[in-house]
Each structure stands twice: as C-alpha cells, then as structure tokens.
C-alpha atoms as a PDB file:
ATOM      1  CA  MET A   1      50.978-215.573  57.333  1.00  0.00           C
ATOM      2  CA  ASN A   2      48.813-217.315  54.729  1.00  0.00           C
ATOM      3  CA  GLU A   3      46.459-219.989  55.972  1.00  0.00           C
ATOM      4  CA  LYS A   4      46.603-223.371  54.280  1.00  0.00           C
ATOM      5  CA  PRO A   5      43.542-224.507  52.336  1.00  0.00           C
ATOM      6  CA  TYR A   6      41.307-226.932  54.206  1.00  0.00           C
ATOM      7  CA  LEU A   7      39.303-229.847  52.887  1.00  0.00           C
ATOM      8  CA  ASP A   8      35.862-231.383  53.108  1.00  0.00           C
ATOM      9  CA  THR A   9      36.291-235.016  52.059  1.00  0.00           C
ATOM     10  CA  LYS A  10      33.899-237.863  51.395  1.00  0.00           C
ATOM     11  CA  THR A  11      34.588-241.378  50.130  1.00  0.00           C
ATOM     12  CA  ILE A  12      31.780-242.733  47.953  1.00  0.00           C
ATOM     13  CA  ALA A  13      31.365-246.485  48.423  1.00  0.00           C
ATOM     14  CA  PRO A  14      30.845-248.705  45.361  1.00  0.00           C
ATOM     15  CA  GLN A  15      27.372-248.310  43.805  1.00  0.00           C
ATOM     16  CA  SER A  16      26.418-245.428  46.108  1.00  0.00           C
ATOM     17  CA  GLY A  17      26.484-241.632  46.133  1.00  0.00           C
ATOM     18  CA  GLY A  18      27.064-238.561  48.230  1.00  0.00           C
ATOM     19  CA  TRP A  19      26.944-234.775  48.195  1.00  0.00           C
ATOM     20  CA  LEU A  20      28.852-231.743  49.400  1.00  0.00           C
ATOM     21  CA  LYS A  21      28.312-227.985  49.261  1.00  0.00           C
ATOM     22  CA  ILE A  22      30.937-225.937  47.426  1.00  0.00           C
ATOM     23  CA  ASN A  23      31.309-222.163  47.566  1.00  0.00           C
ATOM     24  CA  GLN A  24      32.232-219.934  44.646  1.00  0.00           C
ATOM     25  CA  GLY A  25      35.993-220.005  44.101  1.00  0.00           C
ATOM     26  CA  SER A  26      36.576-223.316  45.880  1.00  0.00           C
ATOM     27  CA  ARG A  27      37.706-226.466  44.077  1.00  0.00           C
ATOM     28  CA  LEU A  28      36.125-229.887  43.685  1.00  0.00           C
ATOM     29  CA  LYS A  29      38.565-232.775  43.257  1.00  0.00           C
ATOM     30  CA  ILE A  30      37.186-236.137  42.122  1.00  0.00           C
ATOM     31  CA  THR A  31      39.552-239.093  42.510  1.00  0.00           C
ATOM     32  CA  ASP A  32      39.255-242.658  41.263  1.00  0.00           C
ATOM     33  CA  LEU A  33      40.624-244.506  44.285  1.00  0.00           C
ATOM     34  CA  ASP A  34      40.924-247.982  42.783  1.00  0.00           C
ATOM     35  CA  GLY A  35      41.021-247.473  39.022  1.00  0.00           C
ATOM     36  CA  GLU A  36      38.551-247.963  36.140  1.00  0.00           C
ATOM     37  CA  GLN A  37      35.635-246.370  38.011  1.00  0.00           C
ATOM     38  CA  VAL A  38      33.186-243.859  36.543  1.00  0.00           C
ATOM     39  CA  ALA A  39      31.823-240.997  38.662  1.00  0.00           C
ATOM     40  CA  ASP A  40      28.487-239.391  37.757  1.00  0.00           C
ATOM     41  CA  LEU A  41      28.572-235.660  38.538  1.00  0.00           C
ATOM     42  CA  PHE A  42      25.501-233.481  39.141  1.00  0.00           C
ATOM     43  CA  ALA A  43      25.362-229.877  40.376  1.00  0.00           C
ATOM     44  CA  VAL A  44      22.656-227.380  41.302  1.00  0.00           C
ATOM     45  CA  SER A  45      22.747-223.740  42.360  1.00  0.00           C
ATOM     46  CA  CYS A  46      22.456-223.222  46.110  1.00  0.00           C
ATOM     47  CA  CYS A  47      20.321-220.141  45.440  1.00  0.00           C
ATOM     48  CA  ASN A  48      17.956-221.550  42.828  1.00  0.00           C
ATOM     49  CA  PHE A  49      17.144-225.238  42.440  1.00  0.00           C
ATOM     50  CA  ASP A  50      15.737-224.470  38.981  1.00  0.00           C
ATOM     51  CA  GLU A  51      19.316-223.836  37.799  1.00  0.00           C
ATOM     52  CA  TYR A  52      21.429-226.962  37.484  1.00  0.00           C
ATOM     53  CA  LEU A  53      24.317-228.397  35.478  1.00  0.00           C
ATOM     54  CA  SER A  54      23.123-229.255  31.964  1.00  0.00           C
ATOM     55  CA  VAL A  55      25.221-231.409  29.661  1.00  0.00           C
ATOM     56  CA  GLY A  56      22.995-230.475  26.713  1.00  0.00           C
ATOM     57  CA  THR A  57      23.512-226.759  27.322  1.00  0.00           C
ATOM     58  CA  THR A  58      27.256-227.358  27.800  1.00  0.00           C
ATOM     59  CA  ARG A  59      27.540-229.106  24.433  1.00  0.00           C
ATOM     60  CA  ALA A  60      25.556-226.326  22.753  1.00  0.00           C
ATOM     61  CA  ALA A  61      27.534-223.533  24.418  1.00  0.00           C
ATOM     62  CA  LEU A  62      30.933-225.013  23.541  1.00  0.00           C
ATOM     63  CA  TYR A  63      30.078-226.680  20.201  1.00  0.00           C
ATOM     64  CA  LYS A  64      31.838-229.843  21.370  1.00  0.00           C
ATOM     65  CA  LEU A  65      31.136-233.140  23.114  1.00  0.00           C
ATOM     66  CA  PHE A  66      33.229-232.354  26.206  1.00  0.00           C
ATOM     67  CA  PRO A  67      35.085-229.312  27.533  1.00  0.00           C
ATOM     68  CA  LYS A  68      38.862-229.256  27.754  1.00  0.00           C
ATOM     69  CA  THR A  69      41.004-227.963  30.621  1.00  0.00           C
ATOM     70  CA  GLY A  70      40.331-224.250  31.024  1.00  0.00           C
ATOM     71  CA  GLU A  71      36.773-224.625  29.766  1.00  0.00           C
ATOM     72  CA  GLY A  72      33.742-225.489  31.812  1.00  0.00           C
ATOM     73  CA  PHE A  73      30.250-226.790  32.349  1.00  0.00           C
ATOM     74  CA  PHE A  74      27.140-224.665  31.905  1.00  0.00           C
ATOM     75  CA  SER A  75      23.818-224.583  33.684  1.00  0.00           C
ATOM     76  CA  ASN A  76      20.474-224.825  31.935  1.00  0.00           C
ATOM     77  CA  LYS A  77      20.450-221.005  32.211  1.00  0.00           C
ATOM     78  CA  TYR A  78      23.571-220.816  29.973  1.00  0.00           C
ATOM     79  CA  ARG A  79      25.794-219.729  32.868  1.00  0.00           C
ATOM     80  CA  GLN A  80      29.199-221.344  33.369  1.00  0.00           C
ATOM     81  CA  ILE A  81      29.084-222.877  36.844  1.00  0.00           C
ATOM     82  CA  LEU A  82      32.175-225.140  36.924  1.00  0.00           C
ATOM     83  CA  THR A  83      35.571-224.839  35.208  1.00  0.00           C
ATOM     84  CA  ILE A  84      38.078-227.643  34.639  1.00  0.00           C
ATOM     85  CA  GLU A  85      41.336-226.502  36.272  1.00  0.00           C
ATOM     86  CA  ARG A  86      43.319-229.759  36.184  1.00  0.00           C
ATOM     87  CA  ASP A  87      42.807-233.147  34.623  1.00  0.00           C
ATOM     88  CA  ASP A  88      45.235-235.652  36.121  1.00  0.00           C
ATOM     89  CA  SER A  89      43.647-238.574  34.312  1.00  0.00           C
ATOM     90  CA  PRO A  90      43.799-239.965  30.751  1.00  0.00           C
ATOM     91  CA  GLY A  91      41.247-237.272  29.899  1.00  0.00           C
ATOM     92  CA  THR A  92      38.445-239.530  28.670  1.00  0.00           C
ATOM     93  CA  HIS A  93      35.033-238.440  29.975  1.00  0.00           C
ATOM     94  CA  ASP A  94      31.443-238.576  28.708  1.00  0.00           C
ATOM     95  CA  MET A  95      28.410-236.293  28.387  1.00  0.00           C
ATOM     96  CA  LEU A  96      26.242-238.573  26.240  1.00  0.00           C
ATOM     97  CA  TYR A  97      24.847-241.241  28.571  1.00  0.00           C
ATOM     98  CA  CYS A  98      22.070-240.691  31.079  1.00  0.00           C
ATOM     99  CA  ALA A  99      22.360-241.957  34.644  1.00  0.00           C
ATOM    100  CA  CYS A 100      21.715-245.677  35.012  1.00  0.00           C
ATOM    101  CA  SER A 101      18.276-246.453  36.436  1.00  0.00           C
ATOM    102  CA  THR A 102      15.898-249.221  37.460  1.00  0.00           C
ATOM    103  CA  GLU A 103      14.275-248.982  34.029  1.00  0.00           C
ATOM    104  CA  MET A 104      17.641-249.303  32.285  1.00  0.00           C
ATOM    105  CA  TYR A 105      18.505-252.452  34.229  1.00  0.00           C
ATOM    106  CA  GLN A 106      15.077-253.930  33.542  1.00  0.00           C
ATOM    107  CA  LYS A 107      15.617-253.345  29.827  1.00  0.00           C
ATOM    108  CA  MET A 108      18.973-255.120  30.168  1.00  0.00           C
ATOM    109  CA  GLY A 109      17.272-258.169  31.674  1.00  0.00           C
ATOM    110  CA  ILE A 110      17.609-257.604  35.409  1.00  0.00           C
ATOM    111  CA  ASN A 111      14.668-258.873  37.472  1.00  0.00           C
ATOM    112  CA  GLY A 112      14.450-257.365  40.926  1.00  0.00           C
ATOM    113  CA  TYR A 113      16.292-254.421  42.423  1.00  0.00           C
ATOM    114  CA  HIS A 114      19.681-253.200  41.209  1.00  0.00           C
ATOM    115  CA  ASN A 115      21.551-250.203  42.649  1.00  0.00           C
ATOM    116  CA  SER A 116      21.545-247.289  40.232  1.00  0.00           C
ATOM    117  CA  CYS A 117      22.963-243.800  39.888  1.00  0.00           C
ATOM    118  CA  SER A 118      19.412-242.478  39.524  1.00  0.00           C
ATOM    119  CA  ASP A 119      18.363-243.877  42.900  1.00  0.00           C
ATOM    120  CA  ASN A 120      21.626-242.750  44.511  1.00  0.00           C
ATOM    121  CA  PHE A 121      21.095-239.276  43.064  1.00  0.00           C
ATOM    122  CA  ARG A 122      17.588-239.128  44.574  1.00  0.00           C
ATOM    123  CA  ILE A 123      18.868-240.236  47.991  1.00  0.00           C
ATOM    124  CA  ALA A 124      21.602-237.575  48.035  1.00  0.00           C
ATOM    125  CA  ALA A 125      19.428-234.773  46.623  1.00  0.00           C
ATOM    126  CA  THR A 126      16.705-235.420  49.198  1.00  0.00           C
ATOM    127  CA  GLU A 127      19.210-234.745  51.983  1.00  0.00           C
ATOM    128  CA  PHE A 128      19.382-231.068  50.980  1.00  0.00           C
ATOM    129  CA  ASN A 129      15.729-230.885  49.843  1.00  0.00           C
ATOM    130  CA  TRP A 130      16.220-230.926  46.064  1.00  0.00           C
ATOM    131  CA  HIS A 131      13.410-232.886  44.443  1.00  0.00           C
ATOM    132  CA  PRO A 132      13.613-232.455  40.650  1.00  0.00           C
ATOM    133  CA  GLU A 133      10.844-234.128  38.702  1.00  0.00           C
ATOM    134  CA  VAL A 134      13.349-235.290  36.074  1.00  0.00           C
ATOM    135  CA  ILE A 135      16.895-236.333  36.929  1.00  0.00           C
ATOM    136  CA  PRO A 136      19.389-234.228  34.957  1.00  0.00           C
ATOM    137  CA  ASP A 137      21.801-236.130  32.730  1.00  0.00           C
ATOM    138  CA  PRO A 138      25.169-236.304  34.500  1.00  0.00           C
ATOM    139  CA  VAL A 139      28.718-235.547  33.521  1.00  0.00           C
ATOM    140  CA  ASN A 140      30.206-239.046  33.441  1.00  0.00           C
ATOM    141  CA  ILE A 141      33.669-238.370  34.796  1.00  0.00           C
ATOM    142  CA  PHE A 142      36.301-240.928  33.666  1.00  0.00           C
ATOM    143  CA  GLN A 143      33.822-242.757  31.392  1.00  0.00           C
ATOM    144  CA  TYR A 144      35.332-243.950  28.115  1.00  0.00           C
ATOM    145  CA  THR A 145      32.800-243.922  25.285  1.00  0.00           C
ATOM    146  CA  GLN A 146      34.086-244.810  21.843  1.00  0.00           C
ATOM    147  CA  ILE A 147      32.173-243.198  18.984  1.00  0.00           C
ATOM    148  CA  THR A 148      32.529-244.780  15.546  1.00  0.00           C
ATOM    149  CA  ALA A 149      30.302-243.898  12.578  1.00  0.00           C
ATOM    150  CA  GLY A 150      27.717-242.457  14.952  1.00  0.00           C
ATOM    151  CA  LYS A 151      27.629-245.547  17.205  1.00  0.00           C
ATOM    152  CA  MET A 152      28.479-245.312  20.899  1.00  0.00           C
ATOM    153  CA  THR A 153      30.407-248.170  22.512  1.00  0.00           C
ATOM    154  CA  PRO A 154      30.947-248.117  26.305  1.00  0.00           C
ATOM    155  CA  LEU A 155      34.442-249.358  27.190  1.00  0.00           C
ATOM    156  CA  PRO A 156      36.344-249.772  30.477  1.00  0.00           C
ATOM    157  CA  ALA A 157      37.447-246.511  32.071  1.00  0.00           C
ATOM    158  CA  GLN A 158      41.118-245.823  31.357  1.00  0.00           C
ATOM    159  CA  THR A 159      41.885-244.455  34.804  1.00  0.00           C
ATOM    160  CA  LYS A 160      44.360-245.916  37.264  1.00  0.00           C
ATOM    161  CA  ALA A 161      44.136-245.687  41.036  1.00  0.00           C
ATOM    162  CA  GLY A 162      44.723-242.092  42.136  1.00  0.00           C
ATOM    163  CA  ASP A 163      43.784-240.404  38.847  1.00  0.00           C
ATOM    164  CA  SER A 164      41.733-237.260  39.403  1.00  0.00           C
ATOM    165  CA  ILE A 165      40.101-234.167  37.943  1.00  0.00           C
ATOM    166  CA  THR A 166      39.791-230.771  39.657  1.00  0.00           C
ATOM    167  CA  LEU A 167      37.001-228.272  38.964  1.00  0.00           C
ATOM    168  CA  LYS A 168      36.562-224.691  40.166  1.00  0.00           C
ATOM    169  CA  ALA A 169      33.112-223.547  41.290  1.00  0.00           C
ATOM    170  CA  GLU A 170      31.988-220.324  39.603  1.00  0.00           C
ATOM    171  CA  ILE A 171      28.901-220.026  41.849  1.00  0.00           C
ATOM    172  CA  ASP A 172      27.786-221.614  45.139  1.00  0.00           C
ATOM    173  CA  LEU A 173      26.690-225.164  44.370  1.00  0.00           C
ATOM    174  CA  TYR A 174      25.477-228.402  45.827  1.00  0.00           C
ATOM    175  CA  ILE A 175      27.478-231.215  44.219  1.00  0.00           C
ATOM    176  CA  ILE A 176      26.265-234.811  43.942  1.00  0.00           C
ATOM    177  CA  VAL A 177      28.663-237.561  42.876  1.00  0.00           C
ATOM    178  CA  THR A 178      27.771-241.214  42.453  1.00  0.00           C
ATOM    179  CA  ALA A 179      30.190-244.109  42.049  1.00  0.00           C
ATOM    180  CA  CYS A 180      28.546-245.610  38.973  1.00  0.00           C
ATOM    181  CA  SER A 181      26.608-248.805  39.628  1.00  0.00           C
ATOM    182  CA  MET A 182      26.840-250.260  36.116  1.00  0.00           C
ATOM    183  CA  ASP A 183      28.170-253.821  36.214  1.00  0.00           C
ATOM    184  CA  LEU A 184      26.472-255.247  33.101  1.00  0.00           C
ATOM    185  CA  GLU A 185      28.570-253.170  30.704  1.00  0.00           C
ATOM    186  CA  PRO A 186      32.366-253.048  31.238  1.00  0.00           C
ATOM    187  CA  ILE A 187      32.617-249.291  31.883  1.00  0.00           C
ATOM    188  CA  ASN A 188      33.777-249.832  35.491  1.00  0.00           C
ATOM    189  CA  GLY A 189      36.289-252.546  34.663  1.00  0.00           C
ATOM    190  CA  THR A 190      35.807-255.883  36.367  1.00  0.00           C
ATOM    191  CA  GLN A 191      33.954-254.508  39.395  1.00  0.00           C
ATOM    192  CA  CYS A 192      32.429-251.309  40.728  1.00  0.00           C
ATOM    193  CA  SER A 193      34.686-249.488  43.172  1.00  0.00           C
ATOM    194  CA  ARG A 194      35.161-246.271  45.182  1.00  0.00           C
ATOM    195  CA  ILE A 195      35.332-242.562  44.356  1.00  0.00           C
ATOM    196  CA  LYS A 196      36.669-239.806  46.617  1.00  0.00           C
ATOM    197  CA  ILE A 197      35.374-236.233  46.482  1.00  0.00           C
ATOM    198  CA  GLU A 198      37.137-233.304  48.122  1.00  0.00           C
ATOM    199  CA  ILE A 199      36.180-229.653  48.427  1.00  0.00           C
ATOM    200  CA  ILE A 200      39.336-227.556  48.621  1.00  0.00           C
ATOM    201  CA  HIS A 201      38.501-224.281  50.374  1.00  0.00           C
ATOM    202  CA  ASN A 202      40.800-221.315  49.864  1.00  0.00           C
END
C-alpha cells in the first residue's frame, strides 16, 4: 500500500518571511493566499552555504529572463537546483529586481524603519546559521514587471487568491520565502498580504 505524501506547511504573514528545509525530490508549493502578493524566493544548498540560487546564473544558463515550466533555476555553481513542475498562476514572475531593503526605502523617501525583504531574509537565514555577506537577488514569484524599450515598470501582481507555483528540489536545500514588503509601488496590489509555503514529501 502506497503511503500518501505528507506536508510541512508555513503561512508567511504580510511583510515577513520564513524558511523550510526541502530534500532532493520533494516539492515546494508557493501559494498566494489573498491575491496580488509577490513572494521573494531564496535557496541555498544544505551541504554548502557557498552554493545558492542565482538569478544571474539562471538567466545566463537559459538565455532568457525567466524559466518556463519544465525548466529550472541554477545555483551560482551552474547546477540546476530547482525545477518548475507546475505553474497554476498567470505565469508572470520576475528575476530582475533585488530584494527591497532599508536603503531602497530611504531612497524612496521613507524616514525611519520599514519592513523589508532583505531584513526578513536575514532573520530567516540566521535561524539555520546562514550569514551571507551579500544578500542574493531573489526570484520574485508572481511579480509582474512590464519591460518596454528597455524600461522596467513594476505593476500589480496578476494573481488571484489560491494561485500557486510548484517547484521540485534537485538537491537538498534550505528555502527562504518572504511575503514582499513593498507598499510604495503597486506590485502587491492595494496592500501587502500572506503567502503559504508547503513542502510536499514523497
């Protein structure tokens, strides 16, 4: 008798982040619970913290701005570490923008503290003792970036509540996901909201 897959699940509150460990062959499902919410995705090898998901390497390896279903994301060592198995969303994602940060919000005119994906990344990474000097650029799941004549325009995410994407782990990974904190640009609709992450173990 075959055993049913079991889940590790975490709900990421608005403007916060979280992490889970995923083993090779298991699936990561990222769900927009409320609609129009971007999720910043980071990943690092469990065996070597010097090997992590690199959007620059992914673009170079695939010769495109974003992989399609059946393709995947590469590490900075040019190894495919995640593969897109299903995309139950409008299919608009981004690998051009860095994670929002204190410095970004200051440049946009914010005085005082503002939650950011960079800070939420640091909080999550510290919990499993990853302390990179430079924060890797994320995969901005569900982010809609319009590119016209070389200009990038951030627009509201096109997702509805319950839209999701499912990725297969090709190696053992720590996964960090942040529910994007940006509320000065319209990428998260009218307000920042929740993201759910699930590890589906076979």
